Structure formats: C-alpha cells, structure tokens
Amino acid sequence: MRAGRALGPAPLALDAEHSKRVADLTLYVRQHHAERDDAALGRAVLASGAADRW
C-alpha cells in the first residue's frame, strides 16, 4: 500500500482509526488480489500495449 508514502508516517503512527483502515485494506487486498493477480495484471498490461507508453 502507498498510504505511508503518500501521507508520511504521522497518520499511521498517530491516528488509530486511519491506521486500522490501512491495515484492514492491506489485508483485504492481500486476500483478494494475491500475487497471481499481479501476474495476470502484468500480462494484461503487456498485451494492451500500455507498457510501451511508460
């Protein structure tokens, strides 16, 4: 997750509600979008030609 990069460490360290939401979201993404999904998404990007624009 990129919450720490986007907002810095303060919200994760000082805001209990925010850190719980980030932890819950991280767990959800790991459970429902495992590494196999990353591989499938990578193949889809390559097949679409979108990777050439980077």
N, C-alpha and C. Protein backbone atom coordinates (compact mmCIF):
# COMPACT_ATOMS: atom_id res chain seq x y z
N MET A 1 0.84 -1.18 0.00
CA MET A 1 0.00 0.00 0.00
C MET A 1 0.89 1.24 0.00
N ARG A 2 0.35 2.30 -0.47
CA ARG A 2 1.12 3.53 -0.60
C ARG A 2 0.68 4.61 0.38
N ALA A 3 -0.12 4.26 1.35
CA ALA A 3 -0.60 5.28 2.29
C ALA A 3 0.55 5.92 3.05
N GLY A 4 1.52 5.12 3.46
CA GLY A 4 2.67 5.65 4.17
C GLY A 4 3.49 6.60 3.33
N ARG A 5 3.64 6.29 2.06
CA ARG A 5 4.39 7.17 1.16
C ARG A 5 3.63 8.45 0.87
N ALA A 6 2.34 8.32 0.66
CA ALA A 6 1.54 9.48 0.28
C ALA A 6 1.39 10.47 1.43
N LEU A 7 1.21 9.97 2.63
CA LEU A 7 0.90 10.84 3.76
C LEU A 7 2.02 10.94 4.79
N GLY A 8 3.06 10.14 4.64
CA GLY A 8 4.12 10.11 5.62
C GLY A 8 3.72 9.22 6.80
N PRO A 9 4.59 9.07 7.77
CA PRO A 9 4.34 8.15 8.86
C PRO A 9 3.37 8.65 9.94
N ALA A 10 3.16 9.95 10.02
CA ALA A 10 2.36 10.50 11.12
C ALA A 10 0.95 9.92 11.21
N PRO A 11 0.17 9.88 10.12
CA PRO A 11 -1.19 9.33 10.26
C PRO A 11 -1.20 7.87 10.71
N LEU A 12 -0.24 7.09 10.22
CA LEU A 12 -0.20 5.68 10.63
C LEU A 12 0.21 5.53 12.09
N ALA A 13 1.05 6.44 12.57
CA ALA A 13 1.53 6.35 13.94
C ALA A 13 0.63 7.05 14.95
N LEU A 14 -0.04 8.10 14.52
CA LEU A 14 -0.76 8.94 15.48
C LEU A 14 -2.28 8.89 15.37
N ASP A 15 -2.81 8.33 14.29
CA ASP A 15 -4.26 8.28 14.08
C ASP A 15 -4.71 6.82 14.07
N ALA A 16 -5.25 6.37 15.18
CA ALA A 16 -5.62 4.96 15.33
C ALA A 16 -6.66 4.52 14.30
N GLU A 17 -7.64 5.36 14.03
CA GLU A 17 -8.67 5.00 13.05
C GLU A 17 -8.08 4.85 11.66
N HIS A 18 -7.21 5.77 11.29
CA HIS A 18 -6.57 5.72 9.97
C HIS A 18 -5.70 4.47 9.85
N SER A 19 -4.90 4.20 10.85
CA SER A 19 -4.01 3.04 10.77
C SER A 19 -4.80 1.74 10.73
N LYS A 20 -5.93 1.67 11.42
CA LYS A 20 -6.76 0.47 11.35
C LYS A 20 -7.35 0.30 9.96
N ARG A 21 -7.81 1.40 9.36
CA ARG A 21 -8.36 1.31 8.00
C ARG A 21 -7.29 0.86 7.01
N VAL A 22 -6.08 1.38 7.13
CA VAL A 22 -5.00 0.98 6.24
C VAL A 22 -4.67 -0.50 6.45
N ALA A 23 -4.63 -0.95 7.70
CA ALA A 23 -4.35 -2.36 7.97
C ALA A 23 -5.45 -3.25 7.41
N ASP A 24 -6.70 -2.85 7.58
CA ASP A 24 -7.82 -3.63 7.04
C ASP A 24 -7.76 -3.69 5.52
N LEU A 25 -7.47 -2.56 4.88
CA LEU A 25 -7.39 -2.53 3.43
C LEU A 25 -6.24 -3.39 2.92
N THR A 26 -5.10 -3.33 3.59
CA THR A 26 -3.95 -4.15 3.21
C THR A 26 -4.30 -5.62 3.28
N LEU A 27 -4.96 -6.03 4.34
CA LEU A 27 -5.37 -7.43 4.49
C LEU A 27 -6.36 -7.82 3.40
N TYR A 28 -7.34 -6.97 3.12
CA TYR A 28 -8.32 -7.25 2.08
C TYR A 28 -7.63 -7.44 0.73
N VAL A 29 -6.74 -6.53 0.39
CA VAL A 29 -6.06 -6.62 -0.90
C VAL A 29 -5.24 -7.90 -0.98
N ARG A 30 -4.55 -8.25 0.09
CA ARG A 30 -3.75 -9.49 0.08
C ARG A 30 -4.62 -10.72 -0.07
N GLN A 31 -5.78 -10.72 0.55
CA GLN A 31 -6.65 -11.89 0.48
C GLN A 31 -7.32 -12.02 -0.88
N HIS A 32 -7.67 -10.90 -1.48
CA HIS A 32 -8.48 -10.95 -2.69
C HIS A 32 -7.69 -10.65 -3.96
N HIS A 33 -6.48 -10.21 -3.83
CA HIS A 33 -5.67 -9.88 -5.00
C HIS A 33 -4.24 -10.37 -4.77
N ALA A 34 -4.10 -11.66 -4.68
CA ALA A 34 -2.80 -12.25 -4.37
C ALA A 34 -1.82 -12.04 -5.52
N GLU A 35 -0.62 -12.57 -5.35
CA GLU A 35 0.43 -12.40 -6.34
C GLU A 35 0.01 -12.90 -7.72
N ARG A 36 -0.84 -13.91 -7.76
CA ARG A 36 -1.28 -14.42 -9.07
C ARG A 36 -2.05 -13.35 -9.82
N ASP A 37 -2.77 -12.50 -9.09
CA ASP A 37 -3.47 -11.39 -9.74
C ASP A 37 -2.48 -10.38 -10.30
N ASP A 38 -1.36 -10.16 -9.58
CA ASP A 38 -0.34 -9.25 -10.08
C ASP A 38 0.21 -9.75 -11.41
N ALA A 39 0.45 -11.05 -11.49
CA ALA A 39 0.96 -11.63 -12.73
C ALA A 39 -0.06 -11.47 -13.86
N ALA A 40 -1.32 -11.71 -13.57
CA ALA A 40 -2.37 -11.57 -14.58
C ALA A 40 -2.51 -10.12 -15.03
N LEU A 41 -2.43 -9.19 -14.08
CA LEU A 41 -2.50 -7.78 -14.44
C LEU A 41 -1.30 -7.37 -15.30
N GLY A 42 -0.13 -7.89 -14.97
CA GLY A 42 1.06 -7.60 -15.77
C GLY A 42 0.92 -8.10 -17.19
N ARG A 43 0.40 -9.31 -17.35
CA ARG A 43 0.17 -9.84 -18.69
C ARG A 43 -0.84 -8.99 -19.45
N ALA A 44 -1.88 -8.55 -18.77
CA ALA A 44 -2.90 -7.73 -19.42
C ALA A 44 -2.33 -6.39 -19.88
N VAL A 45 -1.48 -5.79 -19.05
CA VAL A 45 -0.86 -4.52 -19.42
C VAL A 45 0.04 -4.70 -20.63
N LEU A 46 0.84 -5.76 -20.61
CA LEU A 46 1.72 -6.02 -21.75
C LEU A 46 0.92 -6.27 -23.02
N ALA A 47 -0.15 -7.03 -22.91
CA ALA A 47 -0.98 -7.34 -24.08
C ALA A 47 -1.67 -6.10 -24.63
N SER A 48 -2.00 -5.15 -23.76
CA SER A 48 -2.71 -3.95 -24.21
C SER A 48 -1.78 -2.93 -24.86
N GLY A 49 -0.48 -3.10 -24.67
CA GLY A 49 0.47 -2.13 -25.21
C GLY A 49 0.66 -0.92 -24.32
N ALA A 50 -0.02 -0.87 -23.19
CA ALA A 50 0.09 0.28 -22.29
C ALA A 50 1.49 0.42 -21.72
N ALA A 51 2.21 -0.69 -21.58
CA ALA A 51 3.56 -0.63 -21.02
C ALA A 51 4.50 0.15 -21.93
N ASP A 52 4.21 0.20 -23.22
CA ASP A 52 5.06 0.92 -24.16
C ASP A 52 5.02 2.43 -23.93
N ARG A 53 3.96 2.92 -23.31
CA ARG A 53 3.83 4.36 -23.06
C ARG A 53 4.67 4.82 -21.89
N TRP A 54 5.18 3.91 -21.09
CA TRP A 54 6.00 4.29 -19.95
C TRP A 54 7.40 4.40 -20.42
